[in-house]
Amino acid sequence: MNFAISRNGPKLYANLAAMAVIMFTSRLIPLPEGLNRGGFKPYKEFLMKKIAIITGASGGIGQIFVRELMKEELDEIWVIGRNQGRLLVLKEEFGEKIVPICKDLTEDADILSISDLLREQAISVLWLVNNAGTAKMAPSAELSISEINQTIDLNCKAPAELINICI
């Protein structure tokens, strides 16, 4: 019995009795060779909402990532940024697939709230684009401790935390 996902949706290669076993168990289901690297996926993963997460989505290259990911077979694209108004403009431009999430990735509570959102819903993160970042061009002696910490939090810590949350 094989269960596979194709671009046109799920395909089941089994009889009805075997399908009932698949639907009501949480066992790993073998897939035809070449459909995924490991050869096995939990059945519940086929039922999960498929999303992309893009940080720093409201400006510049972030908008280009949104445009490109709109071409993928995703249920939603979560756009994360600090400017709610600019995130809503993305939703207006690209439609209902866009889920604006206003968060400051330098704040631990905001990172944890993203983790909570993912856990509350049946979600499979297929794409994570860590695009948020900051840079202040100045000699290091001119940077405050707060500016250094915020730069490290946004450019280094937040991507590592989001990767950990999404896998």
Foldseek 3Di string as FASTA:
>chain_A
DAWAADPVGIDDDDDPVVVVVLVPDQDWGAHPPPRDDVRTDGSLLSVFFEEEEEEPLLDDVNVVVVVVCLPPPGQAYEYEEQDQVSQVVSCVVSHDRYDYDHAQQLDPVRLVVVLVVPVVGRYAYPYYHLPDADDDDDPPVPDDPVRVSSRCSNVPVSVVSVVVSRD
